């Protein structure tokens, strides 16, 4: 099982896996069949495919904080919210990856060149809507002034107090607070630099790293699927439901209706490519989940098994369970 441990270490480092892209334990087709068997009408087509700006929405947000705690803001130019202020943000364009998209949006709307350093948060909502919040450093460019106004923005400023501005939407308060906390974290433990890994996917996928301890030896075990080749459990995300619903249905599929108490801690990695355009517009989110009861109290799992990992790797996984040690996943609706 050296390959499995190597894969988990890659995920802990935010790197892409090298397994087959076709591994999926609970496809939309299988989810729909399970729904029909219970007399429930499916909500998504079994042949759904994510296509940027058509069937899936990806938003990128750049949150840049300077040495005195000011945040980079831009003034909107579009007629629906002209004159209001917001973080540099926008839709991912066809053929872009996530980092290309956030660099472009920051440059277009503020005039500054951004070098991304880490994701701060992933937000999602039913309707196949995802927002990637990314911080970084300014490495060049010139701050946009009113004389540089164009269709992208009217100007940009470094702002200390958001109360001075007429904001387009108040949803950025939480984002900015998290960015400021990250940049002044000092000795407070936080996750390391987690950037999206470039790996093509043609579906929306949720991959799980499920941890549990064995009472008899206190060692960490990881859940594996044995449906085809041995791999971490993967399911297709239902684009019409929120991610909590997808997670619950998948865990119930694995463990049955008496699902033991568990906790999702956050995201370990994000995989996305976007190239070629309209072909690989999917993504894979790897979610860290832990059980609150020992392995001995979890029922037998059909087509799944537990792998006892090395003590070193087990300790590394346990270090990701506390607050801020995994990337927050905020499910909006």
C-alpha atoms as a PDB file:
ATOM      1  CA  UNK A   1       0.000   0.000   0.000  1.00  0.00           C
ATOM      2  CA  UNK A   2       2.985   2.323  -0.482  1.00  0.00           C
ATOM      3  CA  UNK A   3       1.148   3.929  -3.426  1.00  0.00           C
ATOM      4  CA  UNK A   4      -1.790   4.881  -1.203  1.00  0.00           C
ATOM      5  CA  UNK A   5       0.465   6.485   1.400  1.00  0.00           C
ATOM      6  CA  UNK A   6       2.304   8.361  -1.345  1.00  0.00           C
ATOM      7  CA  UNK A   7      -1.030   9.592  -2.707  1.00  0.00           C
ATOM      8  CA  UNK A   8      -2.099  10.849   0.708  1.00  0.00           C
ATOM      9  CA  UNK A   9       1.202  12.663   1.117  1.00  0.00           C
ATOM     10  CA  UNK A  10       0.685  14.273  -2.283  1.00  0.00           C
ATOM     11  CA  UNK A  11      -2.734  15.484  -1.135  1.00  0.00           C
ATOM     12  CA  UNK A  12      -1.311  16.820   2.124  1.00  0.00           C
ATOM     13  CA  UNK A  13       1.139  18.811  -0.006  1.00  0.00           C
ATOM     14  CA  UNK A  14      -1.699  20.053  -2.239  1.00  0.00           C
ATOM     15  CA  UNK A  15      -0.350  18.149  -5.236  1.00  0.00           C
ATOM     16  CA  UNK A  16      -2.395  16.339  -7.880  1.00  0.00           C
ATOM     17  CA  UNK A  17      -2.752  12.576  -7.839  1.00  0.00           C
ATOM     18  CA  UNK A  18      -1.620  10.386 -10.689  1.00  0.00           C
ATOM     19  CA  UNK A  19      -4.388   7.782 -10.467  1.00  0.00           C
ATOM     20  CA  UNK A  20      -6.817   7.142 -13.303  1.00  0.00           C
ATOM     21  CA  UNK A  21      -9.314   9.966 -13.862  1.00  0.00           C
ATOM     22  CA  UNK A  22     -12.054   7.401 -14.407  1.00  0.00           C
ATOM     23  CA  UNK A  23     -12.175   6.179 -10.796  1.00  0.00           C
ATOM     24  CA  UNK A  24     -15.598   6.997  -9.370  1.00  0.00           C
ATOM     25  CA  UNK A  25     -17.493   4.933  -6.799  1.00  0.00           C
ATOM     26  CA  UNK A  26     -20.839   6.736  -6.909  1.00  0.00           C
ATOM     27  CA  UNK A  27     -21.636   8.331 -10.270  1.00  0.00           C
ATOM     28  CA  UNK A  28     -24.623  10.554 -11.026  1.00  0.00           C
ATOM     29  CA  UNK A  29     -26.156   7.628 -12.857  1.00  0.00           C
ATOM     30  CA  UNK A  30     -25.842   5.431  -9.761  1.00  0.00           C
ATOM     31  CA  UNK A  31     -27.147   8.230  -7.545  1.00  0.00           C
ATOM     32  CA  UNK A  32     -30.171   8.624  -9.820  1.00  0.00           C
ATOM     33  CA  UNK A  33     -30.817   4.878  -9.796  1.00  0.00           C
ATOM     34  CA  UNK A  34     -30.718   4.898  -5.992  1.00  0.00           C
ATOM     35  CA  UNK A  35     -33.163   7.831  -5.912  1.00  0.00           C
ATOM     36  CA  UNK A  36     -35.591   6.149  -8.306  1.00  0.00           C
ATOM     37  CA  UNK A  37     -35.475   2.958  -6.214  1.00  0.00           C
ATOM     38  CA  UNK A  38     -36.746   5.061  -3.296  1.00  0.00           C
ATOM     39  CA  UNK A  39     -39.475   6.646  -5.413  1.00  0.00           C
ATOM     40  CA  UNK A  40     -37.658   9.984  -5.706  1.00  0.00           C
ATOM     41  CA  UNK A  41     -37.300  11.735  -9.060  1.00  0.00           C
ATOM     42  CA  UNK A  42     -33.671  12.496 -10.053  1.00  0.00           C
ATOM     43  CA  UNK A  43     -32.713  16.173 -10.012  1.00  0.00           C
ATOM     44  CA  UNK A  44     -29.740  16.024 -12.385  1.00  0.00           C
ATOM     45  CA  UNK A  45     -29.139  14.351 -15.707  1.00  0.00           C
ATOM     46  CA  UNK A  46     -26.922  11.273 -15.527  1.00  0.00           C
ATOM     47  CA  UNK A  47     -24.872  12.580 -18.451  1.00  0.00           C
ATOM     48  CA  UNK A  48     -24.272  16.042 -16.947  1.00  0.00           C
ATOM     49  CA  UNK A  49     -20.941  17.584 -17.944  1.00  0.00           C
ATOM     50  CA  UNK A  50     -19.506  20.800 -16.513  1.00  0.00           C
ATOM     51  CA  UNK A  51     -18.843  23.491 -19.111  1.00  0.00           C
ATOM     52  CA  UNK A  52     -17.525  26.873 -17.960  1.00  0.00           C
ATOM     53  CA  UNK A  53     -20.020  29.741 -18.305  1.00  0.00           C
ATOM     54  CA  UNK A  54     -22.679  27.241 -19.372  1.00  0.00           C
ATOM     55  CA  UNK A  55     -23.348  24.392 -16.920  1.00  0.00           C
ATOM     56  CA  UNK A  56     -20.817  25.293 -14.198  1.00  0.00           C
ATOM     57  CA  UNK A  57     -19.815  28.616 -12.642  1.00  0.00           C
ATOM     58  CA  UNK A  58     -16.338  29.209 -11.274  1.00  0.00           C
ATOM     59  CA  UNK A  59     -15.593  32.527  -9.535  1.00  0.00           C
ATOM     60  CA  UNK A  60     -12.093  33.628  -8.524  1.00  0.00           C
ATOM     61  CA  UNK A  61     -11.458  36.238  -5.818  1.00  0.00           C
ATOM     62  CA  UNK A  62      -8.101  37.880  -5.093  1.00  0.00           C
ATOM     63  CA  UNK A  63      -7.536  39.083  -1.515  1.00  0.00           C
ATOM     64  CA  UNK A  64      -4.323  41.075  -1.195  1.00  0.00           C
ATOM     65  CA  UNK A  65      -3.216  42.538   2.149  1.00  0.00           C
ATOM     66  CA  UNK A  66      -0.284  44.955   2.407  1.00  0.00           C
ATOM     67  CA  UNK A  67       2.232  45.399   5.237  1.00  0.00           C
ATOM     68  CA  UNK A  68      -0.021  47.790   7.168  1.00  0.00           C
ATOM     69  CA  UNK A  69      -3.113  45.593   6.984  1.00  0.00           C
ATOM     70  CA  UNK A  70      -4.848  47.401   4.125  1.00  0.00           C
ATOM     71  CA  UNK A  71      -6.829  45.375   1.600  1.00  0.00           C
ATOM     72  CA  UNK A  72      -6.825  45.956  -2.145  1.00  0.00           C
ATOM     73  CA  UNK A  73     -10.290  47.021  -3.331  1.00  0.00           C
ATOM     74  CA  UNK A  74     -11.673  48.004  -6.729  1.00  0.00           C
ATOM     75  CA  UNK A  75     -14.538  50.304  -7.710  1.00  0.00           C
ATOM     76  CA  UNK A  76     -17.091  48.733 -10.013  1.00  0.00           C
ATOM     77  CA  UNK A  77     -17.679  50.057 -13.518  1.00  0.00           C
ATOM     78  CA  UNK A  78     -20.569  47.878 -14.696  1.00  0.00           C
ATOM     79  CA  UNK A  79     -23.935  49.625 -14.747  1.00  0.00           C
ATOM     80  CA  UNK A  80     -25.653  47.279 -12.285  1.00  0.00           C
ATOM     81  CA  UNK A  81     -23.325  48.328  -9.443  1.00  0.00           C
ATOM     82  CA  UNK A  82     -21.317  51.299 -10.802  1.00  0.00           C
ATOM     83  CA  UNK A  83     -19.416  53.208  -8.140  1.00  0.00           C
ATOM     84  CA  UNK A  84     -19.630  50.489  -5.494  1.00  0.00           C
ATOM     85  CA  UNK A  85     -16.581  48.710  -4.133  1.00  0.00           C
ATOM     86  CA  UNK A  86     -15.613  45.063  -4.043  1.00  0.00           C
ATOM     87  CA  UNK A  87     -12.635  42.732  -4.034  1.00  0.00           C
ATOM     88  CA  UNK A  88     -11.121  42.035  -7.466  1.00  0.00           C
ATOM     89  CA  UNK A  89     -13.130  39.039  -8.634  1.00  0.00           C
ATOM     90  CA  UNK A  90     -14.868  37.546 -11.622  1.00  0.00           C
ATOM     91  CA  UNK A  91     -15.825  34.503 -13.645  1.00  0.00           C
ATOM     92  CA  UNK A  92     -13.248  32.035 -14.856  1.00  0.00           C
ATOM     93  CA  UNK A  93     -13.050  32.185 -18.632  1.00  0.00           C
ATOM     94  CA  UNK A  94     -13.165  29.111 -20.905  1.00  0.00           C
ATOM     95  CA  UNK A  95      -9.708  27.557 -21.227  1.00  0.00           C
ATOM     96  CA  UNK A  96      -8.351  29.132 -18.018  1.00  0.00           C
ATOM     97  CA  UNK A  97      -7.144  27.425 -14.900  1.00  0.00           C
ATOM     98  CA  UNK A  98      -7.910  28.931 -11.489  1.00  0.00           C
ATOM     99  CA  UNK A  99      -4.578  30.712 -10.996  1.00  0.00           C
ATOM    100  CA  UNK A 100      -4.623  32.173 -14.494  1.00  0.00           C
ATOM    101  CA  UNK A 101      -8.103  33.477 -13.793  1.00  0.00           C
ATOM    102  CA  UNK A 102      -7.289  35.224 -10.501  1.00  0.00           C
ATOM    103  CA  UNK A 103      -4.127  36.805 -11.938  1.00  0.00           C
ATOM    104  CA  UNK A 104      -6.125  38.173 -14.873  1.00  0.00           C
ATOM    105  CA  UNK A 105      -8.947  39.541 -12.706  1.00  0.00           C
ATOM    106  CA  UNK A 106      -6.562  41.318 -10.317  1.00  0.00           C
ATOM    107  CA  UNK A 107      -4.599  42.846 -13.185  1.00  0.00           C
ATOM    108  CA  UNK A 108      -7.686  43.961 -15.118  1.00  0.00           C
ATOM    109  CA  UNK A 109      -9.462  45.471 -12.129  1.00  0.00           C
ATOM    110  CA  UNK A 110      -6.593  46.940 -10.077  1.00  0.00           C
ATOM    111  CA  UNK A 111      -3.643  47.312 -12.476  1.00  0.00           C
ATOM    112  CA  UNK A 112      -1.417  45.222 -10.201  1.00  0.00           C
ATOM    113  CA  UNK A 113       0.317  41.931 -10.900  1.00  0.00           C
ATOM    114  CA  UNK A 114      -0.515  39.237  -8.357  1.00  0.00           C
ATOM    115  CA  UNK A 115       1.504  36.169  -7.505  1.00  0.00           C
ATOM    116  CA  UNK A 116      -0.855  33.722  -5.746  1.00  0.00           C
ATOM    117  CA  UNK A 117       0.480  32.062  -2.599  1.00  0.00           C
ATOM    118  CA  UNK A 118      -2.456  30.046  -1.240  1.00  0.00           C
ATOM    119  CA  UNK A 119      -6.133  29.377  -1.354  1.00  0.00           C
ATOM    120  CA  UNK A 120      -7.912  30.737   1.734  1.00  0.00           C
ATOM    121  CA  UNK A 121     -11.356  29.260   1.217  1.00  0.00           C
ATOM    122  CA  UNK A 122     -13.564  27.418  -1.220  1.00  0.00           C
ATOM    123  CA  UNK A 123     -17.245  28.335  -1.332  1.00  0.00           C
ATOM    124  CA  UNK A 124     -19.908  26.417  -3.185  1.00  0.00           C
ATOM    125  CA  UNK A 125     -23.638  26.386  -3.787  1.00  0.00           C
ATOM    126  CA  UNK A 126     -26.149  24.193  -5.537  1.00  0.00           C
ATOM    127  CA  UNK A 127     -26.416  24.947  -9.222  1.00  0.00           C
ATOM    128  CA  UNK A 128     -22.744  24.008  -9.773  1.00  0.00           C
ATOM    129  CA  UNK A 129     -21.404  27.310  -8.378  1.00  0.00           C
ATOM    130  CA  UNK A 130     -17.898  27.466  -6.892  1.00  0.00           C
ATOM    131  CA  UNK A 131     -15.872  30.428  -5.625  1.00  0.00           C
ATOM    132  CA  UNK A 132     -12.130  30.177  -4.998  1.00  0.00           C
ATOM    133  CA  UNK A 133     -10.694  32.761  -2.587  1.00  0.00           C
ATOM    134  CA  UNK A 134      -6.957  33.247  -3.101  1.00  0.00           C
ATOM    135  CA  UNK A 135      -4.365  35.469  -1.457  1.00  0.00           C
ATOM    136  CA  UNK A 136      -0.889  36.347  -2.624  1.00  0.00           C
ATOM    137  CA  UNK A 137       1.645  39.111  -3.133  1.00  0.00           C
ATOM    138  CA  UNK A 138       1.896  42.093  -5.472  1.00  0.00           C
ATOM    139  CA  UNK A 139       4.886  41.672  -7.765  1.00  0.00           C
ATOM    140  CA  UNK A 140       4.395  44.513 -10.255  1.00  0.00           C
ATOM    141  CA  UNK A 141       2.037  46.791 -12.121  1.00  0.00           C
ATOM    142  CA  UNK A 142       0.634  50.221 -11.277  1.00  0.00           C
ATOM    143  CA  UNK A 143      -2.407  50.891  -9.082  1.00  0.00           C
ATOM    144  CA  UNK A 144      -5.358  51.871 -11.263  1.00  0.00           C
ATOM    145  CA  UNK A 145      -6.436  55.506 -10.826  1.00  0.00           C
ATOM    146  CA  UNK A 146      -9.601  57.268 -12.077  1.00  0.00           C
ATOM    147  CA  UNK A 147      -7.785  58.322 -15.244  1.00  0.00           C
ATOM    148  CA  UNK A 148      -7.262  54.610 -16.021  1.00  0.00           C
ATOM    149  CA  UNK A 149     -10.982  53.807 -15.683  1.00  0.00           C
ATOM    150  CA  UNK A 150     -12.344  51.304 -18.194  1.00  0.00           C
ATOM    151  CA  UNK A 151     -15.097  48.706 -18.487  1.00  0.00           C
ATOM    152  CA  UNK A 152     -13.365  46.497 -15.900  1.00  0.00           C
ATOM    153  CA  UNK A 153     -13.254  49.025 -13.040  1.00  0.00           C
ATOM    154  CA  UNK A 154     -13.175  52.742 -12.245  1.00  0.00           C
ATOM    155  CA  UNK A 155     -10.166  52.650  -9.905  1.00  0.00           C
ATOM    156  CA  UNK A 156      -8.467  50.641  -7.160  1.00  0.00           C
ATOM    157  CA  UNK A 157      -7.313  51.558  -3.652  1.00  0.00           C
ATOM    158  CA  UNK A 158      -5.681  50.102  -0.576  1.00  0.00           C
ATOM    159  CA  UNK A 159      -8.280  50.386   2.187  1.00  0.00           C
ATOM    160  CA  UNK A 160      -7.939  50.000   5.959  1.00  0.00           C
ATOM    161  CA  UNK A 161     -11.546  50.557   7.032  1.00  0.00           C
ATOM    162  CA  UNK A 162     -14.252  49.044   4.827  1.00  0.00           C
ATOM    163  CA  UNK A 163     -16.749  51.281   6.581  1.00  0.00           C
ATOM    164  CA  UNK A 164     -15.471  54.119   4.394  1.00  0.00           C
ATOM    165  CA  UNK A 165     -16.813  52.406   1.271  1.00  0.00           C
ATOM    166  CA  UNK A 166     -20.169  51.762  -0.328  1.00  0.00           C
ATOM    167  CA  UNK A 167     -19.782  48.015  -0.839  1.00  0.00           C
ATOM    168  CA  UNK A 168     -21.397  46.070  -3.645  1.00  0.00           C
ATOM    169  CA  UNK A 169     -22.104  43.234  -1.226  1.00  0.00           C
ATOM    170  CA  UNK A 170     -21.274  42.578   2.430  1.00  0.00           C
ATOM    171  CA  UNK A 171     -20.257  38.946   1.816  1.00  0.00           C
ATOM    172  CA  UNK A 172     -16.601  39.961   1.544  1.00  0.00           C
ATOM    173  CA  UNK A 173     -16.301  40.918   5.237  1.00  0.00           C
ATOM    174  CA  UNK A 174     -15.734  37.269   6.256  1.00  0.00           C
ATOM    175  CA  UNK A 175     -13.278  36.749   3.395  1.00  0.00           C
ATOM    176  CA  UNK A 176     -11.222  39.824   4.292  1.00  0.00           C
ATOM    177  CA  UNK A 177     -11.199  38.946   7.992  1.00  0.00           C
ATOM    178  CA  UNK A 178      -9.849  35.497   7.166  1.00  0.00           C
ATOM    179  CA  UNK A 179      -7.173  36.968   4.885  1.00  0.00           C
ATOM    180  CA  UNK A 180      -6.042  39.415   7.565  1.00  0.00           C
ATOM    181  CA  UNK A 181      -5.927  36.659  10.182  1.00  0.00           C
ATOM    182  CA  UNK A 182      -3.881  34.505   7.829  1.00  0.00           C
ATOM    183  CA  UNK A 183      -1.369  37.272   7.144  1.00  0.00           C
ATOM    184  CA  UNK A 184      -0.858  38.142  10.850  1.00  0.00           C
ATOM    185  CA  UNK A 185      -1.125  34.589  12.180  1.00  0.00           C
ATOM    186  CA  UNK A 186       2.249  34.771  13.982  1.00  0.00           C
ATOM    187  CA  UNK A 187       2.494  31.591  16.084  1.00  0.00           C
ATOM    188  CA  UNK A 188      -1.109  30.498  15.461  1.00  0.00           C
ATOM    189  CA  UNK A 189      -1.228  27.214  13.514  1.00  0.00           C
ATOM    190  CA  UNK A 190      -2.573  27.431   9.956  1.00  0.00           C
ATOM    191  CA  UNK A 191      -2.449  25.247   6.894  1.00  0.00           C
ATOM    192  CA  UNK A 192       0.501  25.697   4.572  1.00  0.00           C
ATOM    193  CA  UNK A 193       0.409  27.049   1.041  1.00  0.00           C
ATOM    194  CA  UNK A 194      -2.362  25.233  -0.830  1.00  0.00           C
ATOM    195  CA  UNK A 195      -2.698  26.181  -4.475  1.00  0.00           C
ATOM    196  CA  UNK A 196      -4.949  24.499  -7.052  1.00  0.00           C
ATOM    197  CA  UNK A 197      -3.183  21.595  -8.719  1.00  0.00           C
ATOM    198  CA  UNK A 198      -3.457  21.487 -12.504  1.00  0.00           C
ATOM    199  CA  UNK A 199      -5.052  18.172 -13.416  1.00  0.00           C
ATOM    200  CA  UNK A 200      -7.778  17.636 -16.032  1.00  0.00           C
ATOM    201  CA  UNK A 201     -11.207  16.365 -14.995  1.00  0.00           C
ATOM    202  CA  UNK A 202     -14.347  16.108 -17.082  1.00  0.00           C
ATOM    203  CA  UNK A 203     -16.653  15.669 -14.078  1.00  0.00           C
ATOM    204  CA  UNK A 204     -17.272  17.410 -10.751  1.00  0.00           C
ATOM    205  CA  UNK A 205     -15.777  15.036  -8.185  1.00  0.00           C
ATOM    206  CA  UNK A 206     -15.579  14.783  -4.412  1.00  0.00           C
ATOM    207  CA  UNK A 207     -12.733  12.642  -3.088  1.00  0.00           C
ATOM    208  CA  UNK A 208     -12.596  11.633   0.566  1.00  0.00           C
ATOM    209  CA  UNK A 209      -9.763  11.063   3.003  1.00  0.00           C
ATOM    210  CA  UNK A 210     -11.680   9.438   5.881  1.00  0.00           C
ATOM    211  CA  UNK A 211      -9.686   8.944   9.093  1.00  0.00           C
ATOM    212  CA  UNK A 212     -10.485   6.798  12.092  1.00  0.00           C
ATOM    213  CA  UNK A 213      -8.463   5.473  15.034  1.00  0.00           C
ATOM    214  CA  UNK A 214      -8.363   1.880  16.169  1.00  0.00           C
ATOM    215  CA  UNK A 215      -8.962   1.592  19.901  1.00  0.00           C
ATOM    216  CA  UNK A 216      -6.655  -1.393  20.387  1.00  0.00           C
ATOM    217  CA  UNK A 217      -3.506   0.369  19.164  1.00  0.00           C
ATOM    218  CA  UNK A 218      -4.583   4.027  18.645  1.00  0.00           C
ATOM    219  CA  UNK A 219      -3.286   3.908  15.060  1.00  0.00           C
ATOM    220  CA  UNK A 220      -4.899   5.928  12.285  1.00  0.00           C
ATOM    221  CA  UNK A 221      -6.721   4.049   9.530  1.00  0.00           C
ATOM    222  CA  UNK A 222      -7.833   5.381   6.138  1.00  0.00           C
ATOM    223  CA  UNK A 223     -10.908   4.314   4.186  1.00  0.00           C
ATOM    224  CA  UNK A 224     -10.241   2.773   0.771  1.00  0.00           C
ATOM    225  CA  UNK A 225     -12.477   1.633  -2.059  1.00  0.00           C
ATOM    226  CA  UNK A 226     -11.924  -1.802  -3.549  1.00  0.00           C
ATOM    227  CA  UNK A 227     -14.563  -1.508  -6.271  1.00  0.00           C
ATOM    228  CA  UNK A 228     -11.928  -1.574  -9.019  1.00  0.00           C
ATOM    229  CA  UNK A 229      -8.305  -0.849  -8.256  1.00  0.00           C
ATOM    230  CA  UNK A 230      -7.707   0.197  -4.651  1.00  0.00           C
ATOM    231  CA  UNK A 231      -8.134   3.959  -4.285  1.00  0.00           C
ATOM    232  CA  UNK A 232      -9.496   6.734  -2.085  1.00  0.00           C
ATOM    233  CA  UNK A 233     -13.310   6.923  -2.266  1.00  0.00           C
ATOM    234  CA  UNK A 234     -14.605   9.246  -5.015  1.00  0.00           C
ATOM    235  CA  UNK A 235     -18.127  10.306  -5.926  1.00  0.00           C
ATOM    236  CA  UNK A 236     -19.624  12.586  -8.534  1.00  0.00           C
ATOM    237  CA  UNK A 237     -21.024  15.866  -7.198  1.00  0.00           C
ATOM    238  CA  UNK A 238     -24.709  16.404  -7.913  1.00  0.00           C
ATOM    239  CA  UNK A 239     -24.786  19.847  -9.586  1.00  0.00           C
ATOM    240  CA  UNK A 240     -28.335  20.586  -8.428  1.00  0.00           C
ATOM    241  CA  UNK A 241     -27.757  19.947  -4.710  1.00  0.00           C
ATOM    242  CA  UNK A 242     -25.401  21.398  -2.161  1.00  0.00           C
ATOM    243  CA  UNK A 243     -22.162  19.654  -1.321  1.00  0.00           C
ATOM    244  CA  UNK A 244     -23.305  18.637   2.165  1.00  0.00           C
ATOM    245  CA  UNK A 245     -26.068  16.637   0.503  1.00  0.00           C
ATOM    246  CA  UNK A 246     -23.598  14.925  -1.832  1.00  0.00           C
ATOM    247  CA  UNK A 247     -21.314  14.071   1.100  1.00  0.00           C
ATOM    248  CA  UNK A 248     -24.137  12.658   3.205  1.00  0.00           C
ATOM    249  CA  UNK A 249     -25.490  10.514   0.370  1.00  0.00           C
ATOM    250  CA  UNK A 250     -22.018   9.154  -0.391  1.00  0.00           C
ATOM    251  CA  UNK A 251     -21.228   8.373   3.240  1.00  0.00           C
ATOM    252  CA  UNK A 252     -24.628   6.690   3.595  1.00  0.00           C
ATOM    253  CA  UNK A 253     -23.924   4.674   0.446  1.00  0.00           C
ATOM    254  CA  UNK A 254     -20.712   3.447   2.090  1.00  0.00           C
ATOM    255  CA  UNK A 255     -21.766   2.961   5.711  1.00  0.00           C
ATOM    256  CA  UNK A 256     -25.532   2.506   5.487  1.00  0.00           C
ATOM    257  CA  UNK A 257     -28.403   4.384   7.077  1.00  0.00           C
ATOM    258  CA  UNK A 258     -26.857   4.184  10.569  1.00  0.00           C
ATOM    259  CA  UNK A 259     -24.038   6.512   9.583  1.00  0.00           C
ATOM    260  CA  UNK A 260     -21.650   6.926  12.536  1.00  0.00           C
ATOM    261  CA  UNK A 261     -20.960  10.468  13.802  1.00  0.00           C
ATOM    262  CA  UNK A 262     -18.283  12.136  11.698  1.00  0.00           C
ATOM    263  CA  UNK A 263     -16.896  15.569  10.930  1.00  0.00           C
ATOM    264  CA  UNK A 264     -15.682  17.149   7.678  1.00  0.00           C
ATOM    265  CA  UNK A 265     -12.641  19.279   8.517  1.00  0.00           C
ATOM    266  CA  UNK A 266     -11.955  20.983   5.210  1.00  0.00           C
ATOM    267  CA  UNK A 267     -10.256  20.595   1.873  1.00  0.00           C
ATOM    268  CA  UNK A 268      -6.791  19.122   1.375  1.00  0.00           C
ATOM    269  CA  UNK A 269      -6.508  19.754  -2.358  1.00  0.00           C
ATOM    270  CA  UNK A 270      -8.253  21.244  -5.379  1.00  0.00           C
ATOM    271  CA  UNK A 271      -7.602  19.813  -8.842  1.00  0.00           C
ATOM    272  CA  UNK A 272      -8.653  21.662 -11.989  1.00  0.00           C
ATOM    273  CA  UNK A 273      -7.268  22.302 -15.454  1.00  0.00           C
ATOM    274  CA  UNK A 274      -9.751  23.901 -17.862  1.00  0.00           C
ATOM    275  CA  UNK A 275      -7.832  22.851 -20.957  1.00  0.00           C
ATOM    276  CA  UNK A 276      -8.758  22.029 -23.656  1.00  0.00           C
ATOM    277  CA  UNK A 277     -11.659  24.468 -23.512  1.00  0.00           C
ATOM    278  CA  UNK A 278     -15.083  22.889 -22.846  1.00  0.00           C
ATOM    279  CA  UNK A 279     -13.448  19.452 -22.460  1.00  0.00           C
ATOM    280  CA  UNK A 280     -11.876  19.402 -18.999  1.00  0.00           C
ATOM    281  CA  UNK A 281     -14.001  21.923 -17.089  1.00  0.00           C
ATOM    282  CA  UNK A 282     -14.496  19.583 -14.150  1.00  0.00           C
ATOM    283  CA  UNK A 283     -12.686  19.580 -10.825  1.00  0.00           C
ATOM    284  CA  UNK A 284     -11.884  17.339  -7.877  1.00  0.00           C
ATOM    285  CA  UNK A 285     -12.139  18.498  -4.268  1.00  0.00           C
ATOM    286  CA  UNK A 286     -10.453  16.274  -1.673  1.00  0.00           C
ATOM    287  CA  UNK A 287     -12.212  16.543   1.674  1.00  0.00           C
ATOM    288  CA  UNK A 288     -10.740  15.449   5.014  1.00  0.00           C
ATOM    289  CA  UNK A 289     -13.282  13.666   7.235  1.00  0.00           C
ATOM    290  CA  UNK A 290     -12.812  12.023  10.633  1.00  0.00           C
ATOM    291  CA  UNK A 291     -14.939   9.647  12.689  1.00  0.00           C
ATOM    292  CA  UNK A 292     -15.581  10.413  16.335  1.00  0.00           C
ATOM    293  CA  UNK A 293     -15.823   6.766  17.355  1.00  0.00           C
ATOM    294  CA  UNK A 294     -13.168   4.025  17.139  1.00  0.00           C
ATOM    295  CA  UNK A 295     -12.872   1.677  14.194  1.00  0.00           C
ATOM    296  CA  UNK A 296     -14.116  -1.240  16.292  1.00  0.00           C
ATOM    297  CA  UNK A 297     -17.562   0.426  16.488  1.00  0.00           C
ATOM    298  CA  UNK A 298     -17.997   0.922  12.736  1.00  0.00           C
ATOM    299  CA  UNK A 299     -19.876  -1.759  10.855  1.00  0.00           C
ATOM    300  CA  UNK A 300     -18.502  -3.902   8.043  1.00  0.00           C
ATOM    301  CA  UNK A 301     -18.189  -1.953   4.819  1.00  0.00           C
ATOM    302  CA  UNK A 302     -19.147  -3.614   1.540  1.00  0.00           C
ATOM    303  CA  UNK A 303     -16.527  -3.051  -1.198  1.00  0.00           C
ATOM    304  CA  UNK A 304     -14.584  -0.746   1.130  1.00  0.00           C
ATOM    305  CA  UNK A 305     -11.817  -1.448   3.619  1.00  0.00           C
ATOM    306  CA  UNK A 306      -9.603   0.244   6.196  1.00  0.00           C
ATOM    307  CA  UNK A 307      -5.863   0.686   5.759  1.00  0.00           C
ATOM    308  CA  UNK A 308      -3.655   1.211   8.789  1.00  0.00           C
ATOM    309  CA  UNK A 309      -1.160   3.894   7.767  1.00  0.00           C
ATOM    310  CA  UNK A 310       2.319   4.428   9.141  1.00  0.00           C
ATOM    311  CA  UNK A 311       2.521   6.242  12.463  1.00  0.00           C
ATOM    312  CA  UNK A 312       4.262   9.184  10.820  1.00  0.00           C
ATOM    313  CA  UNK A 313       1.553   9.613   8.194  1.00  0.00           C
ATOM    314  CA  UNK A 314      -1.153   9.081  10.809  1.00  0.00           C
ATOM    315  CA  UNK A 315       0.319  11.867  12.924  1.00  0.00           C
ATOM    316  CA  UNK A 316       0.456  14.153   9.880  1.00  0.00           C
ATOM    317  CA  UNK A 317      -3.227  13.510   9.213  1.00  0.00           C
ATOM    318  CA  UNK A 318      -4.160  14.168  12.844  1.00  0.00           C
ATOM    319  CA  UNK A 319      -2.315  17.492  12.618  1.00  0.00           C
ATOM    320  CA  UNK A 320      -4.762  18.576   9.898  1.00  0.00           C
ATOM    321  CA  UNK A 321      -7.871  18.018  12.034  1.00  0.00           C
ATOM    322  CA  UNK A 322      -7.752  21.193  14.187  1.00  0.00           C
ATOM    323  CA  UNK A 323      -9.305  24.470  13.047  1.00  0.00           C
ATOM    324  CA  UNK A 324      -7.486  26.289  10.204  1.00  0.00           C
ATOM    325  CA  UNK A 325      -5.281  23.302   9.387  1.00  0.00           C
ATOM    326  CA  UNK A 326      -7.378  22.338   6.353  1.00  0.00           C
ATOM    327  CA  UNK A 327      -8.839  24.687   3.769  1.00  0.00           C
ATOM    328  CA  UNK A 328     -12.364  25.788   4.802  1.00  0.00           C
ATOM    329  CA  UNK A 329     -15.225  24.611   2.624  1.00  0.00           C
ATOM    330  CA  UNK A 330     -18.136  27.013   2.959  1.00  0.00           C
ATOM    331  CA  UNK A 331     -21.393  25.575   1.642  1.00  0.00           C
ATOM    332  CA  UNK A 332     -23.659  28.538   1.009  1.00  0.00           C
ATOM    333  CA  UNK A 333     -26.843  26.756   0.015  1.00  0.00           C
END
